[in-house]
Amino acid sequence: MLTNIMKSVAIGALLLALLWRPLAGYELMLQLVISISAVMVILQAAFAGRFLLAGGFLVVVVLFNPIVPVELSDSTARWLNSACVMMFALSMAVLSAAKPRLSIPSITNRTPGSESL
């Protein structure tokens, strides 16, 4: 649940950065939100066994880390923001659908529908 909220916040922040040229303080906040959200997606994908998706978000963490920022041109930054919006949306679709339903075992009837010998 928290991961889905962070993904939604990350998508909103990236869309805001695409539509409006952010100030310097907003860039730091954007990098922080995106990197934290990407780390959460990496953990969720690793637990689900989706290591390719986790590797893709590792690249996002490296590009958006606030500790050692990567300088990009405006056109490259806009392209990267668009790609990250699609990646977060893809992760919401892929990782949400992968939850198996657990069945509750019956105490009185071990094999329903079978006949005894």
N, C-alpha and C. Protein backbone atom coordinates (compact mmCIF):
# COMPACT_ATOMS: atom_id res chain seq x y z
N MET A 1 0.81 -1.18 0.00
CA MET A 1 0.00 0.00 0.00
C MET A 1 0.86 1.26 0.00
N LEU A 2 1.87 1.30 0.89
CA LEU A 2 2.75 2.45 0.94
C LEU A 2 3.54 2.59 -0.35
N THR A 3 3.94 1.46 -0.92
CA THR A 3 4.68 1.49 -2.18
C THR A 3 3.82 2.06 -3.29
N ASN A 4 2.55 1.70 -3.36
CA ASN A 4 1.66 2.25 -4.39
C ASN A 4 1.45 3.75 -4.20
N ILE A 5 1.37 4.20 -2.95
CA ILE A 5 1.24 5.64 -2.69
C ILE A 5 2.49 6.37 -3.16
N MET A 6 3.66 5.81 -2.84
CA MET A 6 4.91 6.45 -3.27
C MET A 6 5.05 6.45 -4.78
N LYS A 7 4.59 5.39 -5.44
CA LYS A 7 4.63 5.36 -6.91
C LYS A 7 3.73 6.45 -7.47
N SER A 8 2.55 6.64 -6.89
CA SER A 8 1.64 7.68 -7.36
C SER A 8 2.22 9.07 -7.14
N VAL A 9 2.85 9.28 -6.00
CA VAL A 9 3.50 10.57 -5.72
C VAL A 9 4.64 10.81 -6.71
N ALA A 10 5.41 9.76 -7.00
CA ALA A 10 6.52 9.89 -7.95
C ALA A 10 6.00 10.22 -9.35
N ILE A 11 4.93 9.58 -9.76
CA ILE A 11 4.35 9.88 -11.08
C ILE A 11 3.86 11.32 -11.13
N GLY A 12 3.19 11.76 -10.06
CA GLY A 12 2.71 13.14 -10.02
C GLY A 12 3.85 14.15 -10.04
N ALA A 13 4.91 13.88 -9.29
CA ALA A 13 6.06 14.80 -9.27
C ALA A 13 6.75 14.84 -10.63
N LEU A 14 6.87 13.69 -11.29
CA LEU A 14 7.50 13.67 -12.62
C LEU A 14 6.65 14.40 -13.65
N LEU A 15 5.34 14.21 -13.59
CA LEU A 15 4.46 14.91 -14.52
C LEU A 15 4.50 16.42 -14.28
N LEU A 16 4.58 16.83 -13.02
CA LEU A 16 4.71 18.25 -12.72
C LEU A 16 6.03 18.81 -13.25
N ALA A 17 7.09 18.02 -13.14
CA ALA A 17 8.39 18.46 -13.66
C ALA A 17 8.38 18.53 -15.19
N LEU A 18 7.58 17.67 -15.84
CA LEU A 18 7.48 17.72 -17.30
C LEU A 18 6.72 18.95 -17.78
N LEU A 19 5.68 19.32 -17.05
CA LEU A 19 4.82 20.42 -17.49
C LEU A 19 5.33 21.79 -17.06
N TRP A 20 6.09 21.85 -15.99
CA TRP A 20 6.54 23.12 -15.45
C TRP A 20 8.02 23.02 -15.12
N ARG A 21 8.80 23.98 -15.54
CA ARG A 21 10.24 23.96 -15.27
C ARG A 21 10.47 24.25 -13.79
N PRO A 22 10.96 23.28 -13.03
CA PRO A 22 11.07 23.43 -11.59
C PRO A 22 12.21 24.36 -11.17
N LEU A 23 12.10 24.87 -9.96
CA LEU A 23 13.15 25.67 -9.35
C LEU A 23 14.22 24.74 -8.78
N ALA A 24 15.30 25.33 -8.28
CA ALA A 24 16.42 24.53 -7.78
C ALA A 24 16.00 23.69 -6.57
N GLY A 25 15.22 24.24 -5.66
CA GLY A 25 14.77 23.49 -4.49
C GLY A 25 13.85 22.34 -4.87
N TYR A 26 13.07 22.53 -5.92
CA TYR A 26 12.16 21.48 -6.38
C TYR A 26 12.96 20.33 -7.00
N GLU A 27 14.07 20.63 -7.63
CA GLU A 27 14.90 19.57 -8.22
C GLU A 27 15.40 18.60 -7.15
N LEU A 28 15.85 19.16 -6.02
CA LEU A 28 16.33 18.31 -4.93
C LEU A 28 15.21 17.46 -4.36
N MET A 29 14.04 18.06 -4.18
CA MET A 29 12.89 17.31 -3.67
C MET A 29 12.46 16.24 -4.67
N LEU A 30 12.48 16.57 -5.96
CA LEU A 30 12.14 15.60 -7.01
C LEU A 30 13.09 14.41 -6.97
N GLN A 31 14.38 14.69 -6.87
CA GLN A 31 15.36 13.62 -6.83
C GLN A 31 15.17 12.74 -5.60
N LEU A 32 14.87 13.35 -4.48
CA LEU A 32 14.67 12.59 -3.25
C LEU A 32 13.44 11.69 -3.35
N VAL A 33 12.32 12.24 -3.83
CA VAL A 33 11.08 11.46 -3.95
C VAL A 33 11.25 10.31 -4.94
N ILE A 34 11.86 10.60 -6.08
CA ILE A 34 12.02 9.57 -7.11
C ILE A 34 12.98 8.48 -6.63
N SER A 35 14.07 8.85 -5.99
CA SER A 35 15.02 7.82 -5.56
C SER A 35 14.43 6.94 -4.45
N ILE A 36 13.71 7.53 -3.50
CA ILE A 36 13.08 6.72 -2.45
C ILE A 36 12.02 5.80 -3.03
N SER A 37 11.21 6.34 -3.95
CA SER A 37 10.18 5.51 -4.59
C SER A 37 10.81 4.37 -5.39
N ALA A 38 11.90 4.66 -6.08
CA ALA A 38 12.56 3.63 -6.88
C ALA A 38 13.17 2.55 -5.99
N VAL A 39 13.71 2.92 -4.83
CA VAL A 39 14.24 1.92 -3.91
C VAL A 39 13.12 1.02 -3.41
N MET A 40 11.96 1.62 -3.12
CA MET A 40 10.82 0.82 -2.67
C MET A 40 10.35 -0.14 -3.76
N VAL A 41 10.37 0.31 -5.01
CA VAL A 41 9.98 -0.57 -6.12
C VAL A 41 11.01 -1.68 -6.30
N ILE A 42 12.28 -1.37 -6.11
CA ILE A 42 13.33 -2.39 -6.21
C ILE A 42 13.08 -3.50 -5.18
N LEU A 43 12.77 -3.10 -3.94
CA LEU A 43 12.50 -4.10 -2.91
C LEU A 43 11.26 -4.92 -3.24
N GLN A 44 10.21 -4.25 -3.69
CA GLN A 44 8.97 -4.96 -4.03
C GLN A 44 9.20 -5.91 -5.20
N ALA A 45 9.94 -5.48 -6.20
CA ALA A 45 10.21 -6.32 -7.37
C ALA A 45 11.11 -7.50 -6.99
N ALA A 46 12.08 -7.26 -6.12
CA ALA A 46 12.97 -8.35 -5.72
C ALA A 46 12.21 -9.42 -4.94
N PHE A 47 11.32 -9.01 -4.05
CA PHE A 47 10.52 -9.98 -3.31
C PHE A 47 9.56 -10.74 -4.21
N ALA A 48 9.12 -10.10 -5.31
CA ALA A 48 8.22 -10.76 -6.25
C ALA A 48 8.97 -11.59 -7.28
N GLY A 49 10.30 -11.54 -7.27
CA GLY A 49 11.10 -12.30 -8.22
C GLY A 49 11.23 -11.66 -9.59
N ARG A 50 10.95 -10.38 -9.70
CA ARG A 50 11.06 -9.64 -10.96
C ARG A 50 12.37 -8.86 -10.96
N PHE A 51 13.46 -9.57 -11.23
CA PHE A 51 14.78 -8.98 -11.10
C PHE A 51 15.12 -8.04 -12.25
N LEU A 52 14.54 -8.23 -13.42
CA LEU A 52 14.77 -7.32 -14.54
C LEU A 52 14.16 -5.95 -14.23
N LEU A 53 12.98 -5.95 -13.66
CA LEU A 53 12.34 -4.69 -13.26
C LEU A 53 13.13 -4.01 -12.15
N ALA A 54 13.64 -4.79 -11.22
CA ALA A 54 14.47 -4.23 -10.14
C ALA A 54 15.74 -3.61 -10.71
N GLY A 55 16.33 -4.24 -11.71
CA GLY A 55 17.53 -3.69 -12.36
C GLY A 55 17.24 -2.39 -13.09
N GLY A 56 16.09 -2.30 -13.72
CA GLY A 56 15.71 -1.06 -14.39
C GLY A 56 15.54 0.08 -13.41
N PHE A 57 14.98 -0.20 -12.25
CA PHE A 57 14.81 0.85 -11.25
C PHE A 57 16.11 1.17 -10.53
N LEU A 58 17.07 0.26 -10.57
CA LEU A 58 18.40 0.58 -10.03
C LEU A 58 19.04 1.69 -10.86
N VAL A 59 18.82 1.67 -12.17
CA VAL A 59 19.31 2.75 -13.04
C VAL A 59 18.64 4.06 -12.67
N VAL A 60 17.33 4.02 -12.36
CA VAL A 60 16.61 5.23 -11.95
C VAL A 60 17.19 5.79 -10.66
N VAL A 61 17.52 4.92 -9.71
CA VAL A 61 18.12 5.37 -8.46
C VAL A 61 19.45 6.06 -8.72
N VAL A 62 20.26 5.49 -9.59
CA VAL A 62 21.57 6.09 -9.89
C VAL A 62 21.40 7.45 -10.56
N LEU A 63 20.46 7.57 -11.49
CA LEU A 63 20.28 8.84 -12.20
C LEU A 63 19.62 9.92 -11.36
N PHE A 64 18.78 9.55 -10.41
CA PHE A 64 18.05 10.53 -9.61
C PHE A 64 18.57 10.64 -8.18
N ASN A 65 19.76 10.11 -7.88
CA ASN A 65 20.21 10.18 -6.49
C ASN A 65 20.53 11.63 -6.12
N PRO A 66 20.10 12.06 -4.92
CA PRO A 66 20.36 13.44 -4.52
C PRO A 66 21.76 13.66 -3.95
N ILE A 67 22.49 12.59 -3.67
CA ILE A 67 23.82 12.73 -3.07
C ILE A 67 24.84 13.12 -4.14
N VAL A 68 24.86 12.40 -5.25
CA VAL A 68 25.75 12.71 -6.37
C VAL A 68 24.87 12.93 -7.59
N PRO A 69 24.36 14.15 -7.78
CA PRO A 69 23.42 14.38 -8.88
C PRO A 69 24.10 14.28 -10.25
N VAL A 70 23.34 13.76 -11.20
CA VAL A 70 23.81 13.63 -12.58
C VAL A 70 23.28 14.83 -13.35
N GLU A 71 24.17 15.60 -13.96
CA GLU A 71 23.78 16.77 -14.74
C GLU A 71 23.35 16.33 -16.14
N LEU A 72 22.13 16.72 -16.52
CA LEU A 72 21.57 16.37 -17.83
C LEU A 72 21.07 17.63 -18.51
N SER A 73 21.05 17.61 -19.83
CA SER A 73 20.47 18.73 -20.56
C SER A 73 18.96 18.72 -20.40
N ASP A 74 18.32 19.82 -20.77
CA ASP A 74 16.86 19.92 -20.61
C ASP A 74 16.13 18.86 -21.41
N SER A 75 16.53 18.63 -22.65
CA SER A 75 15.83 17.65 -23.47
C SER A 75 16.04 16.23 -22.94
N THR A 76 17.24 15.93 -22.47
CA THR A 76 17.52 14.61 -21.91
C THR A 76 16.75 14.42 -20.60
N ALA A 77 16.68 15.47 -19.79
CA ALA A 77 15.95 15.37 -18.53
C ALA A 77 14.46 15.15 -18.78
N ARG A 78 13.90 15.82 -19.78
CA ARG A 78 12.48 15.62 -20.10
C ARG A 78 12.23 14.20 -20.61
N TRP A 79 13.13 13.70 -21.45
CA TRP A 79 13.00 12.33 -21.95
C TRP A 79 13.11 11.33 -20.80
N LEU A 80 14.05 11.57 -19.89
CA LEU A 80 14.23 10.68 -18.75
C LEU A 80 13.01 10.72 -17.82
N ASN A 81 12.45 11.90 -17.60
CA ASN A 81 11.24 12.01 -16.78
C ASN A 81 10.08 11.26 -17.41
N SER A 82 9.93 11.36 -18.72
CA SER A 82 8.86 10.63 -19.41
C SER A 82 9.06 9.12 -19.29
N ALA A 83 10.29 8.68 -19.45
CA ALA A 83 10.58 7.25 -19.33
C ALA A 83 10.31 6.75 -17.91
N CYS A 84 10.63 7.57 -16.91
CA CYS A 84 10.40 7.16 -15.52
C CYS A 84 8.91 7.12 -15.19
N VAL A 85 8.12 8.03 -15.76
CA VAL A 85 6.67 7.98 -15.55
C VAL A 85 6.14 6.66 -16.09
N MET A 86 6.59 6.27 -17.28
CA MET A 86 6.14 5.00 -17.86
C MET A 86 6.61 3.80 -17.03
N MET A 87 7.83 3.88 -16.49
CA MET A 87 8.34 2.77 -15.67
C MET A 87 7.55 2.62 -14.37
N PHE A 88 7.23 3.74 -13.72
CA PHE A 88 6.44 3.66 -12.49
C PHE A 88 5.04 3.15 -12.78
N ALA A 89 4.44 3.59 -13.89
CA ALA A 89 3.11 3.11 -14.25
C ALA A 89 3.15 1.61 -14.57
N LEU A 90 4.19 1.18 -15.26
CA LEU A 90 4.36 -0.24 -15.57
C LEU A 90 4.54 -1.05 -14.28
N SER A 91 5.30 -0.53 -13.35
CA SER A 91 5.50 -1.27 -12.10
C SER A 91 4.21 -1.37 -11.30
N MET A 92 3.36 -0.35 -11.37
CA MET A 92 2.07 -0.42 -10.68
C MET A 92 1.20 -1.52 -11.28
N ALA A 93 1.25 -1.67 -12.61
CA ALA A 93 0.44 -2.69 -13.27
C ALA A 93 1.01 -4.09 -13.05
N VAL A 94 2.32 -4.23 -13.17
CA VAL A 94 2.94 -5.56 -13.11
C VAL A 94 2.98 -6.09 -11.68
N LEU A 95 3.39 -5.27 -10.74
CA LEU A 95 3.58 -5.77 -9.38
C LEU A 95 2.28 -5.86 -8.60
N SER A 96 1.26 -5.14 -8.99
CA SER A 96 -0.03 -5.25 -8.30
C SER A 96 -0.76 -6.52 -8.70
N ALA A 97 -0.62 -6.96 -9.95
CA ALA A 97 -1.34 -8.12 -10.45
C ALA A 97 -0.69 -9.43 -10.03
N ALA A 98 0.48 -9.39 -9.45
CA ALA A 98 1.22 -10.62 -9.14
C ALA A 98 0.90 -11.19 -7.76
N LYS A 99 -0.10 -10.66 -7.05
CA LYS A 99 -0.40 -11.15 -5.71
C LYS A 99 -1.28 -12.39 -5.79
N PRO A 100 -0.82 -13.53 -5.29
CA PRO A 100 -1.65 -14.74 -5.32
C PRO A 100 -2.69 -14.70 -4.21
N ARG A 101 -3.80 -15.34 -4.47
CA ARG A 101 -4.85 -15.47 -3.45
C ARG A 101 -4.57 -16.72 -2.64
N LEU A 102 -4.62 -16.57 -1.35
CA LEU A 102 -4.38 -17.71 -0.47
C LEU A 102 -5.70 -18.38 -0.13
N SER A 103 -5.71 -19.69 -0.15
CA SER A 103 -6.92 -20.41 0.21
C SER A 103 -6.87 -20.79 1.68
N ILE A 104 -8.03 -20.94 2.27
CA ILE A 104 -8.12 -21.34 3.66
C ILE A 104 -8.38 -22.85 3.70
N PRO A 105 -7.50 -23.63 4.29
CA PRO A 105 -7.71 -25.07 4.33
C PRO A 105 -8.87 -25.44 5.26
N SER A 106 -9.59 -26.44 4.87
CA SER A 106 -10.72 -26.90 5.67
C SER A 106 -10.24 -27.90 6.72
N ILE A 107 -10.77 -27.79 7.91
CA ILE A 107 -10.40 -28.71 8.97
C ILE A 107 -11.19 -30.01 8.86
N THR A 108 -12.45 -29.89 8.47
CA THR A 108 -13.32 -31.07 8.47
C THR A 108 -13.23 -31.89 7.19
N ASN A 109 -12.95 -31.30 6.07
CA ASN A 109 -12.95 -32.00 4.79
C ASN A 109 -11.62 -31.75 4.09
N ARG A 110 -10.73 -32.70 4.14
CA ARG A 110 -9.40 -32.52 3.58
C ARG A 110 -9.41 -32.48 2.06
N THR A 111 -10.20 -33.34 1.43
CA THR A 111 -10.26 -33.37 -0.03
C THR A 111 -11.72 -33.28 -0.45
N PRO A 112 -12.23 -32.10 -0.65
CA PRO A 112 -13.66 -31.97 -1.00
C PRO A 112 -13.95 -32.61 -2.35
N GLY A 113 -15.06 -33.30 -2.41
CA GLY A 113 -15.49 -33.92 -3.66
C GLY A 113 -14.97 -35.33 -3.86
N SER A 114 -14.16 -35.85 -2.93
CA SER A 114 -13.63 -37.21 -3.11
C SER A 114 -14.46 -38.19 -2.27
N GLU A 115 -14.46 -39.44 -2.69
CA GLU A 115 -15.19 -40.48 -1.97
C GLU A 115 -14.22 -41.37 -1.23
N SER A 116 -14.64 -41.86 -0.08
CA SER A 116 -13.78 -42.75 0.67
C SER A 116 -13.89 -44.17 0.11
N LEU A 117 -12.87 -44.98 0.30
CA LEU A 117 -12.86 -46.35 -0.20
C LEU A 117 -13.55 -47.22 0.71
